[in-house]
Amino acid sequence: MASVWRLAFTFVAVGLGFCHGKLCFPDCAEMREGDKVPDPTNCFRYYYCSDPEGTGDLIHSSEPLDCPEGYYFNAELHILECEPIVPENMHCTALCNPCEVKCTTPGTLIPNVNDCGMYKICLDNGNSLDDVCPSNLPYFDYETGLCSQDSSACYNLCDPCDLYCTHEGKVPDPVDCTMYYYCDPPLLSHFECPNDETFNPDTLVCEQSLTGNCTNLC
C-alpha cells in the first residue's frame, strides 16, 4: 500500500508542482530591471536583477558583486544599497546556508542539493522522502517544483568548496578535514583538531578517526 501511495503522490507532485520549501537564493520577484537584491549567504555581497526576454520574469546575475571595503549591503527594501559599516549596528542577520534546504510545509517538494535528478517530498513529521525525476523530465526545477527537460533550472547554489558563515557555531574547513572554523557572522576563526583527530561535519566535533585518515569535502 505504501508503494502505491508513493507512486500516486509522485505522479501528482511531478505533474502539478508544489510550492518549494525554505530555499536560499537571491530573490528578484517583484523587483525591476537593474534593482539590487542581497546575497542571502553574505551580508557584504549583492546581485543585480534583469529581465533577459522582456517578459517581466526577472532573474539574478550569475555571480554576486562585493560591496566596497568598509561597506555592507543594506537589505532593507527601501534601501537595497551598499552603506558604510556602523560598529553598533547588526549588519549580518537573517543569513541562510544554500546547502541546508529545509522542509517548511508537508507535501512541498524541495531540491536535492547534490543531485538535480532527484528531489525531496516533505512529510508531516518534518522529515523528507527522496524521489527521482522520470527519464523524460530528468531535471528538478527548484523554482516551479516540477521535473523538467531544462538543465538550467537545477538548484546549483550549494558549492561544497565554499565556506558559508551564516550563523554562530562551528563549520567544517572544506579543504582540510583536520580543521574547522568558528563562525560569528561575518567573522571566522580557524582551529585545528587536537591529538590527530578529524572534524566530523555531522556532529560538529573533533573525533578520533577509526581509519586513521579523513576525506575533505572538496
N, C-alpha and C. Protein backbone atom coordinates (compact mmCIF):
# COMPACT_ATOMS: atom_id res chain seq x y z
N MET A 1 0.83 -1.20 0.00
CA MET A 1 0.00 0.00 0.00
C MET A 1 0.87 1.26 0.00
N ALA A 2 1.97 1.21 0.78
CA ALA A 2 2.84 2.38 0.87
C ALA A 2 3.44 2.72 -0.49
N SER A 3 3.85 1.67 -1.25
CA SER A 3 4.46 1.93 -2.55
C SER A 3 3.43 2.50 -3.53
N VAL A 4 2.17 2.04 -3.43
CA VAL A 4 1.12 2.58 -4.29
C VAL A 4 0.87 4.04 -3.97
N TRP A 5 0.81 4.37 -2.66
CA TRP A 5 0.62 5.77 -2.25
C TRP A 5 1.75 6.64 -2.74
N ARG A 6 2.97 6.13 -2.60
CA ARG A 6 4.13 6.91 -3.03
C ARG A 6 4.09 7.16 -4.53
N LEU A 7 3.74 6.13 -5.32
CA LEU A 7 3.68 6.28 -6.76
C LEU A 7 2.62 7.31 -7.15
N ALA A 8 1.46 7.23 -6.48
CA ALA A 8 0.38 8.17 -6.79
C ALA A 8 0.78 9.59 -6.41
N PHE A 9 1.38 9.73 -5.24
CA PHE A 9 1.79 11.06 -4.78
C PHE A 9 2.83 11.65 -5.72
N THR A 10 3.79 10.80 -6.15
CA THR A 10 4.84 11.28 -7.03
C THR A 10 4.25 11.74 -8.36
N PHE A 11 3.30 11.00 -8.89
CA PHE A 11 2.69 11.37 -10.15
C PHE A 11 2.00 12.72 -10.05
N VAL A 12 1.25 12.92 -8.97
CA VAL A 12 0.56 14.20 -8.78
C VAL A 12 1.56 15.32 -8.57
N ALA A 13 2.56 15.08 -7.73
CA ALA A 13 3.53 16.12 -7.41
C ALA A 13 4.32 16.55 -8.64
N VAL A 14 4.83 15.58 -9.41
CA VAL A 14 5.63 15.92 -10.57
C VAL A 14 4.77 16.54 -11.66
N GLY A 15 3.52 16.13 -11.72
CA GLY A 15 2.64 16.66 -12.76
C GLY A 15 2.16 18.06 -12.47
N LEU A 16 1.91 18.39 -11.20
CA LEU A 16 1.31 19.67 -10.86
C LEU A 16 2.30 20.67 -10.28
N GLY A 17 3.25 20.17 -9.55
CA GLY A 17 4.18 21.07 -8.88
C GLY A 17 3.62 21.57 -7.57
N PHE A 18 4.46 21.74 -6.59
CA PHE A 18 4.07 22.24 -5.29
C PHE A 18 4.99 23.41 -4.95
N CYS A 19 4.57 24.26 -4.05
CA CYS A 19 5.45 25.32 -3.57
C CYS A 19 6.68 24.69 -2.94
N HIS A 20 7.84 25.27 -3.17
CA HIS A 20 9.05 24.71 -2.58
C HIS A 20 9.16 25.10 -1.11
N GLY A 21 10.06 24.43 -0.42
CA GLY A 21 10.27 24.71 0.99
C GLY A 21 11.19 25.91 1.16
N LYS A 22 11.86 25.95 2.27
CA LYS A 22 12.72 27.09 2.58
C LYS A 22 14.03 26.95 1.82
N LEU A 23 14.18 27.78 0.78
CA LEU A 23 15.39 27.75 -0.02
C LEU A 23 16.22 28.99 0.26
N CYS A 24 17.42 29.01 -0.29
CA CYS A 24 18.34 30.10 -0.01
C CYS A 24 18.91 30.58 -1.34
N PHE A 25 18.23 31.53 -1.98
CA PHE A 25 18.70 32.04 -3.26
C PHE A 25 18.31 33.50 -3.41
N PRO A 26 19.05 34.27 -4.21
CA PRO A 26 18.69 35.69 -4.43
C PRO A 26 17.31 35.78 -5.07
N ASP A 27 16.46 36.64 -4.54
CA ASP A 27 15.07 36.69 -4.96
C ASP A 27 14.79 38.00 -5.72
N CYS A 28 14.55 37.89 -7.03
CA CYS A 28 14.23 39.06 -7.85
C CYS A 28 12.74 39.22 -8.08
N ALA A 29 11.91 38.43 -7.39
CA ALA A 29 10.47 38.56 -7.55
C ALA A 29 10.02 39.96 -7.15
N GLU A 30 9.16 40.55 -7.96
CA GLU A 30 8.59 41.87 -7.71
C GLU A 30 9.63 42.99 -7.75
N MET A 31 10.79 42.71 -8.32
CA MET A 31 11.80 43.74 -8.49
C MET A 31 11.74 44.28 -9.92
N ARG A 32 12.54 45.29 -10.21
CA ARG A 32 12.58 45.90 -11.53
C ARG A 32 13.96 45.74 -12.16
N GLU A 33 14.02 45.97 -13.47
CA GLU A 33 15.30 45.89 -14.19
C GLU A 33 16.33 46.78 -13.52
N GLY A 34 17.50 46.20 -13.21
CA GLY A 34 18.59 46.96 -12.61
C GLY A 34 18.55 47.07 -11.11
N ASP A 35 17.49 46.55 -10.46
CA ASP A 35 17.45 46.57 -8.99
C ASP A 35 18.50 45.63 -8.42
N LYS A 36 18.91 45.91 -7.20
CA LYS A 36 19.85 45.05 -6.49
C LYS A 36 19.10 44.26 -5.42
N VAL A 37 19.55 43.04 -5.17
CA VAL A 37 18.98 42.21 -4.10
C VAL A 37 20.14 41.61 -3.30
N PRO A 38 19.93 41.35 -2.02
CA PRO A 38 21.03 40.85 -1.19
C PRO A 38 21.43 39.42 -1.52
N ASP A 39 22.69 39.13 -1.32
CA ASP A 39 23.15 37.74 -1.31
C ASP A 39 22.73 37.17 0.04
N PRO A 40 21.82 36.18 0.08
CA PRO A 40 21.31 35.70 1.37
C PRO A 40 22.33 34.96 2.21
N THR A 41 23.52 34.69 1.63
CA THR A 41 24.55 33.97 2.37
C THR A 41 25.66 34.88 2.90
N ASN A 42 25.68 36.14 2.44
CA ASN A 42 26.81 37.00 2.76
C ASN A 42 26.34 38.46 2.78
N CYS A 43 26.49 39.12 3.92
CA CYS A 43 25.95 40.47 4.07
C CYS A 43 26.81 41.54 3.40
N PHE A 44 27.91 41.16 2.74
CA PHE A 44 28.76 42.12 2.04
C PHE A 44 28.64 41.99 0.53
N ARG A 45 27.67 41.18 0.06
CA ARG A 45 27.54 40.95 -1.38
C ARG A 45 26.09 41.16 -1.82
N TYR A 46 25.91 41.37 -3.11
CA TYR A 46 24.57 41.58 -3.66
C TYR A 46 24.54 41.09 -5.11
N TYR A 47 23.33 40.97 -5.65
CA TYR A 47 23.12 40.58 -7.04
C TYR A 47 22.32 41.67 -7.75
N TYR A 48 22.47 41.76 -9.07
CA TYR A 48 21.61 42.59 -9.89
C TYR A 48 20.47 41.74 -10.44
N CYS A 49 19.34 42.39 -10.72
CA CYS A 49 18.19 41.73 -11.34
C CYS A 49 18.04 42.24 -12.77
N SER A 50 17.67 41.33 -13.67
CA SER A 50 17.48 41.72 -15.07
C SER A 50 16.39 40.85 -15.69
N ASP A 51 15.75 41.41 -16.73
CA ASP A 51 14.69 40.72 -17.47
C ASP A 51 15.22 40.40 -18.86
N PRO A 52 15.81 39.21 -19.07
CA PRO A 52 16.52 38.95 -20.33
C PRO A 52 15.63 38.91 -21.56
N GLU A 53 14.37 38.55 -21.42
CA GLU A 53 13.50 38.39 -22.59
C GLU A 53 12.40 39.46 -22.67
N GLY A 54 12.40 40.41 -21.73
CA GLY A 54 11.39 41.45 -21.74
C GLY A 54 9.99 40.96 -21.42
N THR A 55 9.90 39.85 -20.68
CA THR A 55 8.60 39.26 -20.36
C THR A 55 8.13 39.60 -18.95
N GLY A 56 8.96 40.30 -18.20
CA GLY A 56 8.61 40.60 -16.81
C GLY A 56 9.12 39.57 -15.82
N ASP A 57 9.79 38.52 -16.33
CA ASP A 57 10.36 37.49 -15.46
C ASP A 57 11.83 37.82 -15.22
N LEU A 58 12.12 38.40 -14.05
CA LEU A 58 13.48 38.82 -13.76
C LEU A 58 14.29 37.68 -13.16
N ILE A 59 15.57 37.67 -13.47
CA ILE A 59 16.50 36.70 -12.90
C ILE A 59 17.66 37.47 -12.26
N HIS A 60 18.37 36.80 -11.36
CA HIS A 60 19.52 37.44 -10.73
C HIS A 60 20.78 37.16 -11.53
N SER A 61 21.77 38.03 -11.38
CA SER A 61 23.05 37.85 -12.08
C SER A 61 23.70 36.54 -11.66
N SER A 62 24.51 35.98 -12.53
CA SER A 62 25.08 34.66 -12.27
C SER A 62 26.08 34.67 -11.13
N GLU A 63 26.72 35.80 -10.89
CA GLU A 63 27.69 35.91 -9.81
C GLU A 63 27.38 37.14 -8.96
N PRO A 64 27.62 37.07 -7.64
CA PRO A 64 27.39 38.24 -6.79
C PRO A 64 28.50 39.27 -6.95
N LEU A 65 28.21 40.50 -6.55
CA LEU A 65 29.20 41.57 -6.53
C LEU A 65 29.50 41.92 -5.07
N ASP A 66 30.71 42.38 -4.83
CA ASP A 66 31.14 42.75 -3.49
C ASP A 66 30.94 44.24 -3.25
N CYS A 67 30.45 44.56 -2.04
CA CYS A 67 30.44 45.96 -1.63
C CYS A 67 31.88 46.44 -1.42
N PRO A 68 32.14 47.73 -1.55
CA PRO A 68 33.49 48.24 -1.28
C PRO A 68 33.92 47.93 0.16
N GLU A 69 35.20 47.89 0.39
CA GLU A 69 35.72 47.63 1.73
C GLU A 69 35.18 48.67 2.72
N GLY A 70 34.72 48.18 3.86
CA GLY A 70 34.15 49.07 4.86
C GLY A 70 32.66 49.30 4.69
N TYR A 71 32.05 48.64 3.68
CA TYR A 71 30.62 48.77 3.41
C TYR A 71 29.94 47.40 3.54
N TYR A 72 28.65 47.41 3.79
CA TYR A 72 27.83 46.20 3.78
C TYR A 72 26.60 46.48 2.93
N PHE A 73 25.88 45.42 2.54
CA PHE A 73 24.68 45.62 1.73
C PHE A 73 23.47 45.69 2.65
N ASN A 74 22.83 46.85 2.66
CA ASN A 74 21.65 47.05 3.49
C ASN A 74 20.45 46.43 2.77
N ALA A 75 19.89 45.36 3.34
CA ALA A 75 18.83 44.59 2.68
C ALA A 75 17.44 45.14 2.93
N GLU A 76 17.33 46.28 3.61
CA GLU A 76 16.01 46.88 3.79
C GLU A 76 15.43 47.26 2.42
N LEU A 77 14.15 46.93 2.21
CA LEU A 77 13.54 47.10 0.89
C LEU A 77 13.59 48.53 0.38
N HIS A 78 13.56 49.51 1.27
CA HIS A 78 13.58 50.89 0.80
C HIS A 78 15.00 51.41 0.59
N ILE A 79 16.00 50.54 0.81
CA ILE A 79 17.40 50.96 0.63
C ILE A 79 18.07 50.11 -0.46
N LEU A 80 18.38 48.84 -0.16
CA LEU A 80 19.00 47.92 -1.12
C LEU A 80 20.23 48.52 -1.79
N GLU A 81 21.14 49.03 -0.97
CA GLU A 81 22.38 49.60 -1.45
C GLU A 81 23.50 49.28 -0.45
N CYS A 82 24.75 49.39 -0.93
CA CYS A 82 25.90 49.27 -0.03
C CYS A 82 26.00 50.55 0.80
N GLU A 83 26.17 50.37 2.10
CA GLU A 83 26.28 51.51 3.02
C GLU A 83 27.46 51.29 3.96
N PRO A 84 28.02 52.38 4.52
CA PRO A 84 29.15 52.23 5.45
C PRO A 84 28.77 51.40 6.67
N ILE A 85 29.70 50.57 7.10
CA ILE A 85 29.50 49.76 8.30
C ILE A 85 29.52 50.66 9.52
N VAL A 86 28.52 50.53 10.36
CA VAL A 86 28.45 51.26 11.62
C VAL A 86 28.62 50.24 12.74
N PRO A 87 29.68 50.36 13.57
CA PRO A 87 30.01 49.31 14.53
C PRO A 87 28.86 48.86 15.41
N GLU A 88 28.00 49.78 15.85
CA GLU A 88 26.95 49.38 16.78
C GLU A 88 25.74 48.74 16.11
N ASN A 89 25.71 48.71 14.78
CA ASN A 89 24.57 48.11 14.08
C ASN A 89 24.78 46.62 13.86
N MET A 90 23.67 45.89 13.75
CA MET A 90 23.72 44.47 13.41
C MET A 90 23.62 44.35 11.89
N HIS A 91 24.73 44.02 11.25
CA HIS A 91 24.76 44.01 9.79
C HIS A 91 24.47 42.64 9.19
N CYS A 92 24.84 41.58 9.88
CA CYS A 92 24.75 40.24 9.30
C CYS A 92 23.68 39.43 10.03
N THR A 93 22.44 39.65 9.68
CA THR A 93 21.33 38.94 10.29
C THR A 93 20.50 38.26 9.20
N ALA A 94 19.74 37.24 9.60
CA ALA A 94 18.84 36.51 8.69
C ALA A 94 19.58 35.92 7.50
N LEU A 95 20.81 35.47 7.69
CA LEU A 95 21.52 34.79 6.62
C LEU A 95 21.08 33.33 6.54
N CYS A 96 21.32 32.70 5.39
CA CYS A 96 20.94 31.30 5.24
C CYS A 96 22.03 30.55 4.48
N ASN A 97 22.04 29.24 4.66
CA ASN A 97 23.03 28.37 4.02
C ASN A 97 22.37 27.66 2.84
N PRO A 98 22.85 27.88 1.62
CA PRO A 98 22.20 27.26 0.45
C PRO A 98 22.33 25.74 0.40
N CYS A 99 23.22 25.18 1.23
CA CYS A 99 23.35 23.73 1.28
C CYS A 99 22.39 23.10 2.29
N GLU A 100 21.64 23.93 3.02
CA GLU A 100 20.69 23.43 4.01
C GLU A 100 19.28 23.79 3.55
N VAL A 101 18.75 23.01 2.63
CA VAL A 101 17.38 23.21 2.14
C VAL A 101 16.44 22.48 3.10
N LYS A 102 15.50 23.23 3.68
CA LYS A 102 14.66 22.67 4.73
C LYS A 102 13.19 22.62 4.32
N CYS A 103 12.51 21.60 4.84
CA CYS A 103 11.07 21.49 4.64
C CYS A 103 10.36 22.49 5.55
N THR A 104 9.35 23.13 5.02
CA THR A 104 8.55 24.05 5.82
C THR A 104 7.10 23.60 5.93
N THR A 105 6.59 22.93 4.91
CA THR A 105 5.19 22.52 4.88
C THR A 105 5.08 21.11 4.31
N PRO A 106 4.34 20.23 4.97
CA PRO A 106 4.16 18.87 4.42
C PRO A 106 3.58 18.91 3.01
N GLY A 107 4.09 18.05 2.14
CA GLY A 107 3.60 17.99 0.77
C GLY A 107 4.37 18.84 -0.21
N THR A 108 5.26 19.70 0.27
CA THR A 108 6.06 20.50 -0.65
C THR A 108 7.22 19.68 -1.20
N LEU A 109 7.72 20.10 -2.34
CA LEU A 109 8.87 19.46 -2.96
C LEU A 109 10.06 20.40 -2.89
N ILE A 110 11.21 19.88 -2.49
CA ILE A 110 12.41 20.69 -2.40
C ILE A 110 13.54 19.97 -3.13
N PRO A 111 14.54 20.70 -3.61
CA PRO A 111 15.60 20.05 -4.38
C PRO A 111 16.55 19.24 -3.52
N ASN A 112 17.14 18.24 -4.13
CA ASN A 112 18.28 17.54 -3.55
C ASN A 112 19.52 18.32 -3.97
N VAL A 113 20.22 18.93 -3.02
CA VAL A 113 21.30 19.86 -3.36
C VAL A 113 22.48 19.15 -4.03
N ASN A 114 22.54 17.83 -3.95
CA ASN A 114 23.66 17.09 -4.52
C ASN A 114 23.34 16.41 -5.84
N ASP A 115 22.06 16.38 -6.23
CA ASP A 115 21.68 15.64 -7.43
C ASP A 115 20.45 16.30 -8.05
N CYS A 116 20.60 16.93 -9.22
CA CYS A 116 19.49 17.63 -9.86
C CYS A 116 18.43 16.68 -10.40
N GLY A 117 18.76 15.42 -10.53
CA GLY A 117 17.78 14.44 -10.99
C GLY A 117 16.88 13.93 -9.90
N MET A 118 17.10 14.41 -8.67
CA MET A 118 16.32 13.96 -7.53
C MET A 118 15.68 15.15 -6.83
N TYR A 119 14.68 14.87 -6.01
CA TYR A 119 14.05 15.88 -5.18
C TYR A 119 13.55 15.22 -3.91
N LYS A 120 13.10 16.04 -2.97
CA LYS A 120 12.63 15.53 -1.69
C LYS A 120 11.17 15.93 -1.49
N ILE A 121 10.38 14.98 -0.97
CA ILE A 121 8.98 15.23 -0.63
C ILE A 121 8.90 15.45 0.88
N CYS A 122 8.43 16.61 1.30
CA CYS A 122 8.35 16.92 2.72
C CYS A 122 7.19 16.16 3.37
N LEU A 123 7.46 15.54 4.50
CA LEU A 123 6.47 14.73 5.20
C LEU A 123 5.92 15.47 6.42
N ASP A 124 4.90 14.87 7.05
CA ASP A 124 4.24 15.50 8.19
C ASP A 124 5.16 15.68 9.39
N ASN A 125 6.12 14.76 9.57
CA ASN A 125 6.97 14.78 10.77
C ASN A 125 8.21 15.65 10.62
N GLY A 126 8.28 16.42 9.53
CA GLY A 126 9.44 17.28 9.31
C GLY A 126 10.54 16.62 8.52
N ASN A 127 10.47 15.31 8.35
CA ASN A 127 11.46 14.60 7.53
C ASN A 127 11.07 14.69 6.06
N SER A 128 11.84 14.04 5.21
CA SER A 128 11.55 14.08 3.79
C SER A 128 11.81 12.72 3.17
N LEU A 129 11.22 12.52 2.00
CA LEU A 129 11.34 11.27 1.26
C LEU A 129 12.00 11.57 -0.08
N ASP A 130 13.09 10.87 -0.39
CA ASP A 130 13.79 11.08 -1.66
C ASP A 130 13.03 10.44 -2.81
N ASP A 131 13.00 11.14 -3.94
CA ASP A 131 12.40 10.57 -5.14
C ASP A 131 13.18 11.05 -6.36
N VAL A 132 12.95 10.41 -7.50
CA VAL A 132 13.73 10.64 -8.72
C VAL A 132 12.82 11.16 -9.82
N CYS A 133 13.31 12.14 -10.57
CA CYS A 133 12.56 12.63 -11.73
C CYS A 133 12.51 11.56 -12.82
N PRO A 134 11.42 11.50 -13.59
CA PRO A 134 11.32 10.50 -14.66
C PRO A 134 12.32 10.78 -15.78
N SER A 135 12.59 9.76 -16.59
CA SER A 135 13.62 9.88 -17.62
C SER A 135 13.29 10.92 -18.68
N ASN A 136 12.00 11.17 -18.94
CA ASN A 136 11.64 12.17 -19.94
C ASN A 136 11.66 13.60 -19.40
N LEU A 137 11.74 13.72 -18.08
CA LEU A 137 11.86 15.03 -17.43
C LEU A 137 12.95 14.90 -16.36
N PRO A 138 14.20 14.86 -16.76
CA PRO A 138 15.27 14.41 -15.85
C PRO A 138 15.78 15.43 -14.84
N TYR A 139 15.33 16.70 -14.93
CA TYR A 139 15.89 17.74 -14.06
C TYR A 139 14.80 18.35 -13.18
N PHE A 140 15.12 18.53 -11.90
CA PHE A 140 14.16 19.14 -10.99
C PHE A 140 14.33 20.65 -10.98
N ASP A 141 13.28 21.36 -11.33
CA ASP A 141 13.27 22.83 -11.35
C ASP A 141 12.87 23.30 -9.95
N TYR A 142 13.82 23.87 -9.22
CA TYR A 142 13.56 24.23 -7.82
C TYR A 142 12.62 25.41 -7.67
N GLU A 143 12.47 26.22 -8.72
CA GLU A 143 11.59 27.38 -8.61
C GLU A 143 10.13 27.04 -8.86
N THR A 144 9.88 26.10 -9.76
CA THR A 144 8.50 25.71 -10.04
C THR A 144 8.07 24.49 -9.24
N GLY A 145 9.03 23.73 -8.71
CA GLY A 145 8.69 22.49 -8.02
C GLY A 145 8.28 21.40 -8.97
N LEU A 146 8.77 21.44 -10.22
CA LEU A 146 8.43 20.46 -11.24
C LEU A 146 9.68 19.84 -11.83
N CYS A 147 9.57 18.59 -12.26
CA CYS A 147 10.63 18.00 -13.07
C CYS A 147 10.50 18.52 -14.49
N SER A 148 11.62 18.79 -15.15
CA SER A 148 11.59 19.40 -16.47
C SER A 148 12.72 18.86 -17.34
N GLN A 149 12.78 19.35 -18.57
CA GLN A 149 13.85 18.99 -19.50
C GLN A 149 14.96 20.04 -19.52
N ASP A 150 14.83 21.05 -18.71
CA ASP A 150 15.75 22.19 -18.73
C ASP A 150 16.79 22.05 -17.62
N SER A 151 18.02 21.76 -18.00
CA SER A 151 19.09 21.58 -17.02
C SER A 151 19.47 22.90 -16.34
N SER A 152 19.14 24.04 -16.98
CA SER A 152 19.47 25.33 -16.37
C SER A 152 18.59 25.63 -15.16
N ALA A 153 17.53 24.84 -14.95
CA ALA A 153 16.63 25.05 -13.82
C ALA A 153 17.12 24.37 -12.55
N CYS A 154 18.26 23.71 -12.63
CA CYS A 154 18.78 22.98 -11.46
C CYS A 154 19.17 23.93 -10.34
N TYR A 155 19.01 23.46 -9.12
CA TYR A 155 19.46 24.20 -7.94
C TYR A 155 20.97 24.00 -7.81
N ASN A 156 21.73 25.02 -8.17
CA ASN A 156 23.19 24.90 -8.22
C ASN A 156 23.88 25.92 -7.31
N LEU A 157 23.16 26.37 -6.28
CA LEU A 157 23.71 27.42 -5.42
C LEU A 157 24.55 26.86 -4.27
N CYS A 158 24.50 25.55 -4.05
CA CYS A 158 25.29 24.95 -2.98
C CYS A 158 26.64 24.53 -3.53
N ASP A 159 27.69 25.19 -3.08
CA ASP A 159 29.06 24.87 -3.50
C ASP A 159 29.78 24.23 -2.32
N PRO A 160 30.09 22.93 -2.37
CA PRO A 160 30.73 22.26 -1.24
C PRO A 160 32.11 22.82 -0.91
N CYS A 161 32.69 23.57 -1.84
CA CYS A 161 34.01 24.15 -1.60
C CYS A 161 33.93 25.57 -1.05
N ASP A 162 32.72 26.10 -0.93
CA ASP A 162 32.55 27.43 -0.36
C ASP A 162 32.36 27.31 1.14
N LEU A 163 32.67 28.37 1.85
CA LEU A 163 32.55 28.40 3.30
C LEU A 163 31.41 29.33 3.66
N TYR A 164 30.31 28.78 4.17
CA TYR A 164 29.12 29.57 4.47
C TYR A 164 29.08 29.89 5.97
N CYS A 165 29.36 31.15 6.28
CA CYS A 165 29.30 31.60 7.68
C CYS A 165 27.98 32.34 7.85
N THR A 166 26.92 31.61 8.18
CA THR A 166 25.58 32.18 8.23
C THR A 166 24.99 32.24 9.63
N HIS A 167 25.57 31.53 10.58
CA HIS A 167 25.09 31.57 11.96
C HIS A 167 26.25 31.21 12.88
N GLU A 168 26.14 31.59 14.13
CA GLU A 168 27.24 31.35 15.07
C GLU A 168 27.39 29.87 15.36
N GLY A 169 28.64 29.39 15.34
CA GLY A 169 28.93 27.99 15.62
C GLY A 169 30.07 27.48 14.77
N LYS A 170 30.34 26.20 14.88
CA LYS A 170 31.42 25.57 14.12
C LYS A 170 30.97 25.22 12.71
N VAL A 171 31.89 25.37 11.76
CA VAL A 171 31.66 24.93 10.39
C VAL A 171 32.93 24.23 9.91
N PRO A 172 32.78 23.16 9.11
CA PRO A 172 33.98 22.43 8.67
C PRO A 172 34.83 23.24 7.71
N ASP A 173 36.12 22.98 7.73
CA ASP A 173 37.03 23.53 6.73
C ASP A 173 36.90 22.63 5.50
N PRO A 174 36.39 23.13 4.37
CA PRO A 174 36.11 22.24 3.23
C PRO A 174 37.35 21.62 2.59
N VAL A 175 38.53 22.21 2.84
CA VAL A 175 39.73 21.69 2.18
C VAL A 175 40.68 20.98 3.14
N ASP A 176 40.35 20.95 4.42
CA ASP A 176 41.22 20.27 5.40
C ASP A 176 40.34 19.68 6.50
N CYS A 177 40.17 18.36 6.48
CA CYS A 177 39.25 17.72 7.42
C CYS A 177 39.82 17.59 8.83
N THR A 178 41.03 18.06 9.04
CA THR A 178 41.58 18.08 10.40
C THR A 178 41.37 19.44 11.07
N MET A 179 40.68 20.35 10.37
CA MET A 179 40.49 21.69 10.88
C MET A 179 39.04 22.11 10.74
N TYR A 180 38.67 23.18 11.44
CA TYR A 180 37.33 23.75 11.33
C TYR A 180 37.40 25.23 11.62
N TYR A 181 36.29 25.93 11.37
CA TYR A 181 36.18 27.35 11.67
C TYR A 181 35.11 27.56 12.74
N TYR A 182 35.34 28.55 13.58
CA TYR A 182 34.26 29.02 14.44
C TYR A 182 33.72 30.29 13.80
N CYS A 183 32.42 30.26 13.51
CA CYS A 183 31.79 31.34 12.76
C CYS A 183 30.97 32.22 13.69
N ASP A 184 31.15 33.52 13.57
CA ASP A 184 30.32 34.52 14.24
C ASP A 184 30.11 35.62 13.20
N PRO A 185 29.08 35.43 12.32
CA PRO A 185 28.96 36.27 11.11
C PRO A 185 29.21 37.75 11.36
N PRO A 186 30.13 38.34 10.55
CA PRO A 186 30.84 37.75 9.41
C PRO A 186 32.23 37.24 9.76
N LEU A 187 32.55 37.08 11.03
CA LEU A 187 33.91 36.74 11.45
C LEU A 187 34.13 35.24 11.48
N LEU A 188 35.36 34.82 11.13
CA LEU A 188 35.73 33.41 11.14
C LEU A 188 37.06 33.23 11.86
N SER A 189 37.13 32.22 12.73
CA SER A 189 38.38 31.88 13.40
C SER A 189 38.72 30.43 13.07
N HIS A 190 39.99 30.19 12.71
CA HIS A 190 40.42 28.87 12.26
C HIS A 190 40.96 28.05 13.43
N PHE A 191 40.57 26.78 13.53
CA PHE A 191 41.03 25.90 14.59
C PHE A 191 41.51 24.57 13.99
N GLU A 192 42.49 23.96 14.68
CA GLU A 192 42.96 22.63 14.31
C GLU A 192 42.53 21.63 15.36
N CYS A 193 42.03 20.48 14.92
CA CYS A 193 41.63 19.44 15.87
C CYS A 193 42.87 18.92 16.61
N PRO A 194 42.76 18.68 17.92
CA PRO A 194 43.91 18.20 18.69
C PRO A 194 44.12 16.69 18.54
N ASN A 195 45.28 16.23 18.93
CA ASN A 195 45.57 14.79 19.07
C ASN A 195 45.30 13.99 17.79
N ASP A 196 45.63 14.58 16.66
CA ASP A 196 45.46 13.91 15.36
C ASP A 196 44.01 13.52 15.08
N GLU A 197 43.06 14.24 15.65
CA GLU A 197 41.65 13.96 15.41
C GLU A 197 41.19 14.64 14.13
N THR A 198 40.02 14.26 13.66
CA THR A 198 39.43 14.87 12.47
C THR A 198 38.09 15.49 12.84
N PHE A 199 37.68 16.48 12.06
CA PHE A 199 36.43 17.18 12.35
C PHE A 199 35.28 16.49 11.65
N ASN A 200 34.27 16.10 12.43
CA ASN A 200 33.09 15.43 11.89
C ASN A 200 32.06 16.48 11.49
N PRO A 201 31.76 16.64 10.18
CA PRO A 201 30.82 17.68 9.75
C PRO A 201 29.38 17.41 10.17
N ASP A 202 29.08 16.18 10.61
CA ASP A 202 27.72 15.87 11.05
C ASP A 202 27.53 16.19 12.53
N THR A 203 28.49 15.79 13.36
CA THR A 203 28.39 16.05 14.81
C THR A 203 29.00 17.39 15.19
N LEU A 204 29.82 17.97 14.30
CA LEU A 204 30.50 19.26 14.52
C LEU A 204 31.44 19.23 15.72
N VAL A 205 32.12 18.10 15.91
CA VAL A 205 33.15 17.99 16.95
C VAL A 205 34.34 17.23 16.37
N CYS A 206 35.49 17.44 16.99
CA CYS A 206 36.69 16.69 16.62
C CYS A 206 36.60 15.30 17.22
N GLU A 207 36.91 14.28 16.42
CA GLU A 207 36.80 12.90 16.87
C GLU A 207 38.02 12.11 16.40
N GLN A 208 38.28 11.02 17.09
CA GLN A 208 39.35 10.12 16.67
C GLN A 208 38.89 9.38 15.42
N SER A 209 39.70 9.41 14.38
CA SER A 209 39.35 8.74 13.14
C SER A 209 39.61 7.25 13.26
N LEU A 210 38.60 6.44 12.93
CA LEU A 210 38.74 4.98 13.03
C LEU A 210 39.66 4.44 11.94
N THR A 211 39.74 5.12 10.81
CA THR A 211 40.56 4.65 9.69
C THR A 211 41.94 5.28 9.66
N GLY A 212 42.15 6.28 10.49
CA GLY A 212 43.45 6.93 10.52
C GLY A 212 43.61 8.02 9.49
N ASN A 213 42.58 8.24 8.68
CA ASN A 213 42.64 9.33 7.70
C ASN A 213 41.26 9.94 7.58
N CYS A 214 41.12 10.93 6.73
CA CYS A 214 39.83 11.60 6.59
C CYS A 214 39.68 12.07 5.15
N THR A 215 38.48 12.43 4.79
CA THR A 215 38.18 12.87 3.44
C THR A 215 37.73 14.32 3.44
N ASN A 216 38.39 15.15 2.65
CA ASN A 216 38.00 16.56 2.57
C ASN A 216 36.69 16.70 1.81
N LEU A 217 35.95 17.76 2.11
CA LEU A 217 34.66 18.00 1.45
C LEU A 217 34.84 18.37 -0.01
N CYS A 218 35.98 18.93 -0.36
CA CYS A 218 36.22 19.25 -1.76
C CYS A 218 37.72 19.19 -2.05
